[in-house]
mmCIF file of all heavy atoms, coordinates in Angstrom:
data_MODEL
# 
_entry.id   MODEL 
# 
loop_
_atom_site.group_PDB 
_atom_site.id 
_atom_site.type_symbol 
_atom_site.label_atom_id 
_atom_site.label_alt_id 
_atom_site.label_comp_id 
_atom_site.label_asym_id 
_atom_site.label_entity_id 
_atom_site.label_seq_id 
_atom_site.pdbx_PDB_ins_code 
_atom_site.Cartn_x 
_atom_site.Cartn_y 
_atom_site.Cartn_z 
_atom_site.occupancy 
_atom_site.B_iso_or_equiv 
_atom_site.pdbx_formal_charge 
_atom_site.auth_seq_id 
_atom_site.auth_comp_id 
_atom_site.auth_asym_id 
_atom_site.auth_atom_id 
_atom_site.pdbx_PDB_model_num 
ATOM 1   N N   . GLY A 1 1  ? -3.412  -18.530 3.942  1.00 0.00 ? 1  GLY A N   1 
ATOM 2   C CA  . GLY A 1 1  ? -4.838  -18.236 3.814  1.00 0.00 ? 1  GLY A CA  1 
ATOM 3   C C   . GLY A 1 1  ? -5.041  -16.726 3.695  1.00 0.00 ? 1  GLY A C   1 
ATOM 4   O O   . GLY A 1 1  ? -5.889  -16.252 2.892  1.00 0.00 ? 1  GLY A O   1 
ATOM 5   N N   . SER A 1 2  ? -4.387  -15.943 4.510  1.00 0.00 ? 2  SER A N   1 
ATOM 6   C CA  . SER A 1 2  ? -4.510  -14.470 4.388  1.00 0.00 ? 2  SER A CA  1 
ATOM 7   C C   . SER A 1 2  ? -4.098  -13.967 3.104  1.00 0.00 ? 2  SER A C   1 
ATOM 8   O O   . SER A 1 2  ? -4.629  -12.977 2.529  1.00 0.00 ? 2  SER A O   1 
ATOM 9   C CB  . SER A 1 2  ? -3.696  -13.797 5.514  1.00 0.00 ? 2  SER A CB  1 
ATOM 10  O OG  . SER A 1 2  ? -4.167  -14.205 6.762  1.00 0.00 ? 2  SER A OG  1 
ATOM 11  N N   . LEU A 1 3  ? -3.100  -14.671 2.538  1.00 0.00 ? 3  LEU A N   1 
ATOM 12  C CA  . LEU A 1 3  ? -2.455  -14.252 1.192  1.00 0.00 ? 3  LEU A CA  1 
ATOM 13  C C   . LEU A 1 3  ? -3.384  -14.586 0.038  1.00 0.00 ? 3  LEU A C   1 
ATOM 14  O O   . LEU A 1 3  ? -3.125  -14.206 -1.042 1.00 0.00 ? 3  LEU A O   1 
ATOM 15  C CB  . LEU A 1 3  ? -1.051  -14.725 1.081  1.00 0.00 ? 3  LEU A CB  1 
ATOM 16  C CG  . LEU A 1 3  ? -0.071  -14.193 2.099  1.00 0.00 ? 3  LEU A CG  1 
ATOM 17  C CD1 . LEU A 1 3  ? 1.285   -14.887 1.967  1.00 0.00 ? 3  LEU A CD1 1 
ATOM 18  C CD2 . LEU A 1 3  ? 0.079   -12.691 1.909  1.00 0.00 ? 3  LEU A CD2 1 
ATOM 19  N N   . GLN A 1 4  ? -4.422  -15.408 0.282  1.00 0.00 ? 4  GLN A N   1 
ATOM 20  C CA  . GLN A 1 4  ? -5.452  -15.685 -0.670 1.00 0.00 ? 4  GLN A CA  1 
ATOM 21  C C   . GLN A 1 4  ? -6.441  -14.526 -0.698 1.00 0.00 ? 4  GLN A C   1 
ATOM 22  O O   . GLN A 1 4  ? -7.143  -14.300 -1.683 1.00 0.00 ? 4  GLN A O   1 
ATOM 23  C CB  . GLN A 1 4  ? -6.102  -16.992 -0.385 1.00 0.00 ? 4  GLN A CB  1 
ATOM 24  C CG  . GLN A 1 4  ? -5.160  -18.205 -0.695 1.00 0.00 ? 4  GLN A CG  1 
ATOM 25  C CD  . GLN A 1 4  ? -5.841  -19.512 -0.317 1.00 0.00 ? 4  GLN A CD  1 
ATOM 26  O OE1 . GLN A 1 4  ? -6.954  -19.568 0.017  1.00 0.00 ? 4  GLN A OE1 1 
ATOM 27  N NE2 . GLN A 1 4  ? -5.002  -20.608 -0.351 1.00 0.00 ? 4  GLN A NE2 1 
ATOM 28  N N   . TYR A 1 5  ? -6.531  -13.857 0.508  1.00 0.00 ? 5  TYR A N   1 
ATOM 29  C CA  . TYR A 1 5  ? -7.481  -12.785 0.639  1.00 0.00 ? 5  TYR A CA  1 
ATOM 30  C C   . TYR A 1 5  ? -6.935  -11.492 0.093  1.00 0.00 ? 5  TYR A C   1 
ATOM 31  O O   . TYR A 1 5  ? -7.614  -10.661 -0.559 1.00 0.00 ? 5  TYR A O   1 
ATOM 32  C CB  . TYR A 1 5  ? -7.798  -12.646 2.145  1.00 0.00 ? 5  TYR A CB  1 
ATOM 33  C CG  . TYR A 1 5  ? -8.773  -11.553 2.521  1.00 0.00 ? 5  TYR A CG  1 
ATOM 34  C CD1 . TYR A 1 5  ? -10.107 -11.647 2.197  1.00 0.00 ? 5  TYR A CD1 1 
ATOM 35  C CD2 . TYR A 1 5  ? -8.331  -10.407 3.208  1.00 0.00 ? 5  TYR A CD2 1 
ATOM 36  C CE1 . TYR A 1 5  ? -11.018 -10.656 2.542  1.00 0.00 ? 5  TYR A CE1 1 
ATOM 37  C CE2 . TYR A 1 5  ? -9.189  -9.416  3.517  1.00 0.00 ? 5  TYR A CE2 1 
ATOM 38  C CZ  . TYR A 1 5  ? -10.547 -9.502  3.250  1.00 0.00 ? 5  TYR A CZ  1 
ATOM 39  O OH  . TYR A 1 5  ? -11.446 -8.515  3.586  1.00 0.00 ? 5  TYR A OH  1 
ATOM 40  N N   . ALA A 1 6  ? -5.634  -11.269 0.344  1.00 0.00 ? 6  ALA A N   1 
ATOM 41  C CA  . ALA A 1 6  ? -4.893  -10.101 -0.162 1.00 0.00 ? 6  ALA A CA  1 
ATOM 42  C C   . ALA A 1 6  ? -3.506  -10.515 -0.317 1.00 0.00 ? 6  ALA A C   1 
ATOM 43  O O   . ALA A 1 6  ? -2.839  -11.062 0.585  1.00 0.00 ? 6  ALA A O   1 
ATOM 44  C CB  . ALA A 1 6  ? -5.003  -8.923  0.825  1.00 0.00 ? 6  ALA A CB  1 
ATOM 45  N N   . ASP A 1 7  ? -2.847  -10.340 -1.521 1.00 0.00 ? 7  ASP A N   1 
ATOM 46  C CA  . ASP A 1 7  ? -1.608  -11.008 -1.814 1.00 0.00 ? 7  ASP A CA  1 
ATOM 47  C C   . ASP A 1 7  ? -0.413  -10.304 -1.097 1.00 0.00 ? 7  ASP A C   1 
ATOM 48  O O   . ASP A 1 7  ? -0.611  -9.316  -0.438 1.00 0.00 ? 7  ASP A O   1 
ATOM 49  C CB  . ASP A 1 7  ? -1.378  -11.049 -3.357 1.00 0.00 ? 7  ASP A CB  1 
ATOM 50  C CG  . ASP A 1 7  ? -1.104  -9.750  -3.944 1.00 0.00 ? 7  ASP A CG  1 
ATOM 51  O OD1 . ASP A 1 7  ? -0.876  -8.741  -3.265 1.00 0.00 ? 7  ASP A OD1 1 
ATOM 52  O OD2 . ASP A 1 7  ? -1.128  -9.644  -5.217 1.00 0.00 ? 7  ASP A OD2 1 
ATOM 53  N N   . THR A 1 8  ? 0.816   -10.896 -1.313 1.00 0.00 ? 8  THR A N   1 
ATOM 54  C CA  . THR A 1 8  ? 2.007   -10.488 -0.686 1.00 0.00 ? 8  THR A CA  1 
ATOM 55  C C   . THR A 1 8  ? 2.307   -8.992  -0.929 1.00 0.00 ? 8  THR A C   1 
ATOM 56  O O   . THR A 1 8  ? 2.836   -8.291  0.009  1.00 0.00 ? 8  THR A O   1 
ATOM 57  C CB  . THR A 1 8  ? 3.193   -11.344 -1.016 1.00 0.00 ? 8  THR A CB  1 
ATOM 58  O OG1 . THR A 1 8  ? 3.317   -11.378 -2.432 1.00 0.00 ? 8  THR A OG1 1 
ATOM 59  C CG2 . THR A 1 8  ? 2.959   -12.783 -0.502 1.00 0.00 ? 8  THR A CG2 1 
ATOM 60  N N   . ASP A 1 9  ? 2.057   -8.537  -2.159 1.00 0.00 ? 9  ASP A N   1 
ATOM 61  C CA  . ASP A 1 9  ? 2.408   -7.088  -2.459 1.00 0.00 ? 9  ASP A CA  1 
ATOM 62  C C   . ASP A 1 9  ? 1.506   -6.201  -1.672 1.00 0.00 ? 9  ASP A C   1 
ATOM 63  O O   . ASP A 1 9  ? 2.009   -5.171  -1.180 1.00 0.00 ? 9  ASP A O   1 
ATOM 64  C CB  . ASP A 1 9  ? 2.163   -6.889  -3.989 1.00 0.00 ? 9  ASP A CB  1 
ATOM 65  C CG  . ASP A 1 9  ? 3.143   -7.543  -4.893 1.00 0.00 ? 9  ASP A CG  1 
ATOM 66  O OD1 . ASP A 1 9  ? 4.279   -7.840  -4.356 1.00 0.00 ? 9  ASP A OD1 1 
ATOM 67  O OD2 . ASP A 1 9  ? 2.900   -7.682  -6.045 1.00 0.00 ? 9  ASP A OD2 1 
ATOM 68  N N   . LEU A 1 10 ? 0.248   -6.509  -1.499 1.00 0.00 ? 10 LEU A N   1 
ATOM 69  C CA  . LEU A 1 10 ? -0.583  -5.613  -0.696 1.00 0.00 ? 10 LEU A CA  1 
ATOM 70  C C   . LEU A 1 10 ? -0.281  -5.600  0.745  1.00 0.00 ? 10 LEU A C   1 
ATOM 71  O O   . LEU A 1 10 ? -0.196  -4.544  1.364  1.00 0.00 ? 10 LEU A O   1 
ATOM 72  C CB  . LEU A 1 10 ? -2.121  -6.027  -0.968 1.00 0.00 ? 10 LEU A CB  1 
ATOM 73  C CG  . LEU A 1 10 ? -3.150  -5.115  -0.327 1.00 0.00 ? 10 LEU A CG  1 
ATOM 74  C CD1 . LEU A 1 10 ? -2.968  -3.694  -0.710 1.00 0.00 ? 10 LEU A CD1 1 
ATOM 75  C CD2 . LEU A 1 10 ? -4.527  -5.595  -0.691 1.00 0.00 ? 10 LEU A CD2 1 
ATOM 76  N N   . PHE A 1 11 ? -0.047  -6.750  1.358  1.00 0.00 ? 11 PHE A N   1 
ATOM 77  C CA  . PHE A 1 11 ? 0.369   -6.829  2.750  1.00 0.00 ? 11 PHE A CA  1 
ATOM 78  C C   . PHE A 1 11 ? 1.670   -6.090  2.984  1.00 0.00 ? 11 PHE A C   1 
ATOM 79  O O   . PHE A 1 11 ? 1.794   -5.328  3.868  1.00 0.00 ? 11 PHE A O   1 
ATOM 80  C CB  . PHE A 1 11 ? 0.377   -8.238  3.288  1.00 0.00 ? 11 PHE A CB  1 
ATOM 81  C CG  . PHE A 1 11 ? -0.929  -8.738  3.802  1.00 0.00 ? 11 PHE A CG  1 
ATOM 82  C CD1 . PHE A 1 11 ? -1.706  -9.638  3.159  1.00 0.00 ? 11 PHE A CD1 1 
ATOM 83  C CD2 . PHE A 1 11 ? -1.408  -8.226  5.009  1.00 0.00 ? 11 PHE A CD2 1 
ATOM 84  C CE1 . PHE A 1 11 ? -2.919  -10.051 3.655  1.00 0.00 ? 11 PHE A CE1 1 
ATOM 85  C CE2 . PHE A 1 11 ? -2.591  -8.583  5.531  1.00 0.00 ? 11 PHE A CE2 1 
ATOM 86  C CZ  . PHE A 1 11 ? -3.404  -9.542  4.911  1.00 0.00 ? 11 PHE A CZ  1 
ATOM 87  N N   . PHE A 1 12 ? 2.621   -6.291  2.059  1.00 0.00 ? 12 PHE A N   1 
ATOM 88  C CA  . PHE A 1 12 ? 3.858   -5.664  2.183  1.00 0.00 ? 12 PHE A CA  1 
ATOM 89  C C   . PHE A 1 12 ? 3.691   -4.104  2.152  1.00 0.00 ? 12 PHE A C   1 
ATOM 90  O O   . PHE A 1 12 ? 4.259   -3.370  2.941  1.00 0.00 ? 12 PHE A O   1 
ATOM 91  C CB  . PHE A 1 12 ? 4.900   -6.005  1.081  1.00 0.00 ? 12 PHE A CB  1 
ATOM 92  C CG  . PHE A 1 12 ? 6.116   -5.145  1.094  1.00 0.00 ? 12 PHE A CG  1 
ATOM 93  C CD1 . PHE A 1 12 ? 7.179   -5.414  1.971  1.00 0.00 ? 12 PHE A CD1 1 
ATOM 94  C CD2 . PHE A 1 12 ? 6.229   -4.096  0.206  1.00 0.00 ? 12 PHE A CD2 1 
ATOM 95  C CE1 . PHE A 1 12 ? 8.276   -4.578  1.977  1.00 0.00 ? 12 PHE A CE1 1 
ATOM 96  C CE2 . PHE A 1 12 ? 7.348   -3.297  0.186  1.00 0.00 ? 12 PHE A CE2 1 
ATOM 97  C CZ  . PHE A 1 12 ? 8.341   -3.555  1.050  1.00 0.00 ? 12 PHE A CZ  1 
ATOM 98  N N   . GLY A 1 13 ? 2.873   -3.690  1.195  1.00 0.00 ? 13 GLY A N   1 
ATOM 99  C CA  . GLY A 1 13 ? 2.590   -2.205  1.101  1.00 0.00 ? 13 GLY A CA  1 
ATOM 100 C C   . GLY A 1 13 ? 2.047   -1.679  2.305  1.00 0.00 ? 13 GLY A C   1 
ATOM 101 O O   . GLY A 1 13 ? 2.473   -0.584  2.805  1.00 0.00 ? 13 GLY A O   1 
ATOM 102 N N   . MET A 1 14 ? 1.075   -2.372  2.916  1.00 0.00 ? 14 MET A N   1 
ATOM 103 C CA  . MET A 1 14 ? 0.478   -1.809  4.202  1.00 0.00 ? 14 MET A CA  1 
ATOM 104 C C   . MET A 1 14 ? 1.483   -1.789  5.338  1.00 0.00 ? 14 MET A C   1 
ATOM 105 O O   . MET A 1 14 ? 1.614   -0.794  6.053  1.00 0.00 ? 14 MET A O   1 
ATOM 106 C CB  . MET A 1 14 ? -0.724  -2.690  4.596  1.00 0.00 ? 14 MET A CB  1 
ATOM 107 C CG  . MET A 1 14 ? -1.975  -2.448  3.720  1.00 0.00 ? 14 MET A CG  1 
ATOM 108 S SD  . MET A 1 14 ? -3.477  -3.292  4.448  1.00 0.00 ? 14 MET A SD  1 
ATOM 109 C CE  . MET A 1 14 ? -2.989  -5.042  4.395  1.00 0.00 ? 14 MET A CE  1 
ATOM 110 N N   . VAL A 1 15 ? 2.165   -2.948  5.560  1.00 0.00 ? 15 VAL A N   1 
ATOM 111 C CA  . VAL A 1 15 ? 3.105   -2.990  6.667  1.00 0.00 ? 15 VAL A CA  1 
ATOM 112 C C   . VAL A 1 15 ? 4.258   -2.054  6.509  1.00 0.00 ? 15 VAL A C   1 
ATOM 113 O O   . VAL A 1 15 ? 4.686   -1.395  7.453  1.00 0.00 ? 15 VAL A O   1 
ATOM 114 C CB  . VAL A 1 15 ? 3.601   -4.408  6.861  1.00 0.00 ? 15 VAL A CB  1 
ATOM 115 C CG1 . VAL A 1 15 ? 4.631   -4.530  8.006  1.00 0.00 ? 15 VAL A CG1 1 
ATOM 116 C CG2 . VAL A 1 15 ? 2.432   -5.399  7.194  1.00 0.00 ? 15 VAL A CG2 1 
ATOM 117 N N   . ASN A 1 16 ? 4.708   -1.961  5.225  1.00 0.00 ? 16 ASN A N   1 
ATOM 118 C CA  . ASN A 1 16 ? 5.901   -1.104  4.998  1.00 0.00 ? 16 ASN A CA  1 
ATOM 119 C C   . ASN A 1 16 ? 5.510   0.364   5.266  1.00 0.00 ? 16 ASN A C   1 
ATOM 120 O O   . ASN A 1 16 ? 6.352   1.141   5.801  1.00 0.00 ? 16 ASN A O   1 
ATOM 121 C CB  . ASN A 1 16 ? 6.359   -1.340  3.582  1.00 0.00 ? 16 ASN A CB  1 
ATOM 122 C CG  . ASN A 1 16 ? 7.703   -0.636  3.308  1.00 0.00 ? 16 ASN A CG  1 
ATOM 123 O OD1 . ASN A 1 16 ? 8.656   -0.742  4.064  1.00 0.00 ? 16 ASN A OD1 1 
ATOM 124 N ND2 . ASN A 1 16 ? 7.777   0.140   2.211  1.00 0.00 ? 16 ASN A ND2 1 
ATOM 125 N N   . ALA A 1 17 ? 4.315   0.744   4.872  1.00 0.00 ? 17 ALA A N   1 
ATOM 126 C CA  . ALA A 1 17 ? 3.847   2.080   5.052  1.00 0.00 ? 17 ALA A CA  1 
ATOM 127 C C   . ALA A 1 17 ? 3.716   2.466   6.471  1.00 0.00 ? 17 ALA A C   1 
ATOM 128 O O   . ALA A 1 17 ? 4.189   3.558   6.938  1.00 0.00 ? 17 ALA A O   1 
ATOM 129 C CB  . ALA A 1 17 ? 2.534   2.316   4.339  1.00 0.00 ? 17 ALA A CB  1 
ATOM 130 N N   . VAL A 1 18 ? 3.170   1.542   7.307  1.00 0.00 ? 18 VAL A N   1 
ATOM 131 C CA  . VAL A 1 18 ? 3.010   1.818   8.735  1.00 0.00 ? 18 VAL A CA  1 
ATOM 132 C C   . VAL A 1 18 ? 4.346   1.778   9.451  1.00 0.00 ? 18 VAL A C   1 
ATOM 133 O O   . VAL A 1 18 ? 4.711   2.605   10.266 1.00 0.00 ? 18 VAL A O   1 
ATOM 134 C CB  . VAL A 1 18 ? 2.017   0.836   9.338  1.00 0.00 ? 18 VAL A CB  1 
ATOM 135 C CG1 . VAL A 1 18 ? 1.863   1.103   10.839 1.00 0.00 ? 18 VAL A CG1 1 
ATOM 136 C CG2 . VAL A 1 18 ? 0.644   1.021   8.694  1.00 0.00 ? 18 VAL A CG2 1 
ATOM 137 N N   . ALA A 1 19 ? 5.154   0.728   9.109  1.00 0.00 ? 19 ALA A N   1 
ATOM 138 C CA  . ALA A 1 19 ? 6.500   0.577   9.784  1.00 0.00 ? 19 ALA A CA  1 
ATOM 139 C C   . ALA A 1 19 ? 7.376   1.684   9.432  1.00 0.00 ? 19 ALA A C   1 
ATOM 140 O O   . ALA A 1 19 ? 8.238   2.115   10.273 1.00 0.00 ? 19 ALA A O   1 
ATOM 141 C CB  . ALA A 1 19 ? 7.110   -0.761  9.368  1.00 0.00 ? 19 ALA A CB  1 
ATOM 142 N N   . GLY A 1 20 ? 7.290   2.293   8.189  1.00 0.00 ? 20 GLY A N   1 
ATOM 143 C CA  . GLY A 1 20 ? 8.155   3.394   7.792  1.00 0.00 ? 20 GLY A CA  1 
ATOM 144 C C   . GLY A 1 20 ? 8.053   4.635   8.647  1.00 0.00 ? 20 GLY A C   1 
ATOM 145 O O   . GLY A 1 20 ? 9.001   5.392   8.737  1.00 0.00 ? 20 GLY A O   1 
ATOM 146 N N   . LYS A 1 21 ? 6.887   4.760   9.358  1.00 0.00 ? 21 LYS A N   1 
ATOM 147 C CA  . LYS A 1 21 ? 6.715   5.899   10.203 1.00 0.00 ? 21 LYS A CA  1 
ATOM 148 C C   . LYS A 1 21 ? 6.976   5.605   11.666 1.00 0.00 ? 21 LYS A C   1 
ATOM 149 O O   . LYS A 1 21 ? 6.869   6.453   12.518 1.00 0.00 ? 21 LYS A O   1 
ATOM 150 C CB  . LYS A 1 21 ? 5.324   6.413   10.089 1.00 0.00 ? 21 LYS A CB  1 
ATOM 151 C CG  . LYS A 1 21 ? 4.964   6.926   8.595  1.00 0.00 ? 21 LYS A CG  1 
ATOM 152 C CD  . LYS A 1 21 ? 3.543   7.408   8.560  1.00 0.00 ? 21 LYS A CD  1 
ATOM 153 C CE  . LYS A 1 21 ? 3.212   7.854   7.133  1.00 0.00 ? 21 LYS A CE  1 
ATOM 154 N NZ  . LYS A 1 21 ? 1.814   8.301   6.961  1.00 0.00 ? 21 LYS A NZ  1 
ATOM 155 N N   . ALA A 1 22 ? 7.322   4.321   11.946 1.00 0.00 ? 22 ALA A N   1 
ATOM 156 C CA  . ALA A 1 22 ? 7.576   3.914   13.304 1.00 0.00 ? 22 ALA A CA  1 
ATOM 157 C C   . ALA A 1 22 ? 9.033   4.073   13.747 1.00 0.00 ? 22 ALA A C   1 
ATOM 158 O O   . ALA A 1 22 ? 9.916   4.060   12.907 1.00 0.00 ? 22 ALA A O   1 
ATOM 159 C CB  . ALA A 1 22 ? 7.158   2.486   13.520 1.00 0.00 ? 22 ALA A CB  1 
ATOM 160 N N   . LYS A 1 23 ? 9.260   4.151   15.054 1.00 0.00 ? 23 LYS A N   1 
ATOM 161 C CA  . LYS A 1 23 ? 10.621  4.303   15.572 1.00 0.00 ? 23 LYS A CA  1 
ATOM 162 C C   . LYS A 1 23 ? 11.089  2.989   16.098 1.00 0.00 ? 23 LYS A C   1 
ATOM 163 O O   . LYS A 1 23 ? 12.255  2.860   16.504 1.00 0.00 ? 23 LYS A O   1 
ATOM 164 C CB  . LYS A 1 23 ? 10.620  5.408   16.645 1.00 0.00 ? 23 LYS A CB  1 
ATOM 165 C CG  . LYS A 1 23 ? 10.322  6.765   16.214 1.00 0.00 ? 23 LYS A CG  1 
ATOM 166 C CD  . LYS A 1 23 ? 10.286  7.721   17.339 1.00 0.00 ? 23 LYS A CD  1 
ATOM 167 C CE  . LYS A 1 23 ? 9.951   9.168   16.824 1.00 0.00 ? 23 LYS A CE  1 
ATOM 168 N NZ  . LYS A 1 23 ? 9.905   10.114  17.956 1.00 0.00 ? 23 LYS A NZ  1 
ATOM 169 N N   . VAL A 1 24 ? 10.228  1.988   16.107 1.00 0.00 ? 24 VAL A N   1 
ATOM 170 C CA  . VAL A 1 24 ? 10.676  0.705   16.638 1.00 0.00 ? 24 VAL A CA  1 
ATOM 171 C C   . VAL A 1 24 ? 10.877  -0.271  15.469 1.00 0.00 ? 24 VAL A C   1 
ATOM 172 O O   . VAL A 1 24 ? 10.391  -0.014  14.415 1.00 0.00 ? 24 VAL A O   1 
ATOM 173 C CB  . VAL A 1 24 ? 9.505   0.089   17.562 1.00 0.00 ? 24 VAL A CB  1 
ATOM 174 C CG1 . VAL A 1 24 ? 9.342   0.961   18.766 1.00 0.00 ? 24 VAL A CG1 1 
ATOM 175 C CG2 . VAL A 1 24 ? 8.217   -0.095  16.805 1.00 0.00 ? 24 VAL A CG2 1 
ATOM 176 N N   . PRO A 1 25 ? 11.725  -1.331  15.684 1.00 0.00 ? 25 PRO A N   1 
ATOM 177 C CA  . PRO A 1 25 ? 11.955  -2.289  14.603 1.00 0.00 ? 25 PRO A CA  1 
ATOM 178 C C   . PRO A 1 25 ? 10.740  -3.161  14.397 1.00 0.00 ? 25 PRO A C   1 
ATOM 179 O O   . PRO A 1 25 ? 10.201  -3.785  15.230 1.00 0.00 ? 25 PRO A O   1 
ATOM 180 C CB  . PRO A 1 25 ? 13.166  -3.088  15.111 1.00 0.00 ? 25 PRO A CB  1 
ATOM 181 C CG  . PRO A 1 25 ? 13.256  -2.892  16.591 1.00 0.00 ? 25 PRO A CG  1 
ATOM 182 C CD  . PRO A 1 25 ? 12.586  -1.548  16.853 1.00 0.00 ? 25 PRO A CD  1 
ATOM 183 N N   . VAL A 1 26 ? 10.389  -3.274  13.090 1.00 0.00 ? 26 VAL A N   1 
ATOM 184 C CA  . VAL A 1 26 ? 9.281   -4.120  12.623 1.00 0.00 ? 26 VAL A CA  1 
ATOM 185 C C   . VAL A 1 26 ? 9.771   -5.034  11.522 1.00 0.00 ? 26 VAL A C   1 
ATOM 186 O O   . VAL A 1 26 ? 10.404  -4.555  10.572 1.00 0.00 ? 26 VAL A O   1 
ATOM 187 C CB  . VAL A 1 26 ? 8.102   -3.239  12.111 1.00 0.00 ? 26 VAL A CB  1 
ATOM 188 C CG1 . VAL A 1 26 ? 6.948   -4.133  11.667 1.00 0.00 ? 26 VAL A CG1 1 
ATOM 189 C CG2 . VAL A 1 26 ? 7.649   -2.226  13.122 1.00 0.00 ? 26 VAL A CG2 1 
ATOM 190 N N   . ALA A 1 27 ? 9.454   -6.316  11.649 1.00 0.00 ? 27 ALA A N   1 
ATOM 191 C CA  . ALA A 1 27 ? 9.760   -7.309  10.590 1.00 0.00 ? 27 ALA A CA  1 
ATOM 192 C C   . ALA A 1 27 ? 8.449   -7.826  10.016 1.00 0.00 ? 27 ALA A C   1 
ATOM 193 O O   . ALA A 1 27 ? 7.433   -7.907  10.723 1.00 0.00 ? 27 ALA A O   1 
ATOM 194 C CB  . ALA A 1 27 ? 10.607  -8.408  11.155 1.00 0.00 ? 27 ALA A CB  1 
ATOM 195 N N   . LEU A 1 28 ? 8.509   -8.152  8.719  1.00 0.00 ? 28 LEU A N   1 
ATOM 196 C CA  . LEU A 1 28 ? 7.316   -8.778  8.082  1.00 0.00 ? 28 LEU A CA  1 
ATOM 197 C C   . LEU A 1 28 ? 7.664   -10.214 7.716  1.00 0.00 ? 28 LEU A C   1 
ATOM 198 O O   . LEU A 1 28 ? 8.596   -10.477 6.954  1.00 0.00 ? 28 LEU A O   1 
ATOM 199 C CB  . LEU A 1 28 ? 6.955   -8.017  6.851  1.00 0.00 ? 28 LEU A CB  1 
ATOM 200 C CG  . LEU A 1 28 ? 5.826   -8.523  5.972  1.00 0.00 ? 28 LEU A CG  1 
ATOM 201 C CD1 . LEU A 1 28 ? 4.523   -8.695  6.834  1.00 0.00 ? 28 LEU A CD1 1 
ATOM 202 C CD2 . LEU A 1 28 ? 5.534   -7.700  4.760  1.00 0.00 ? 28 LEU A CD2 1 
# 
């Protein structure tokens, strides 16, 4: 349902951008 609101590319872009600056492990 969330991916009907904003697709996988957009969510990946957001999470990857935030996780890329983090020091802890993040999975999507």
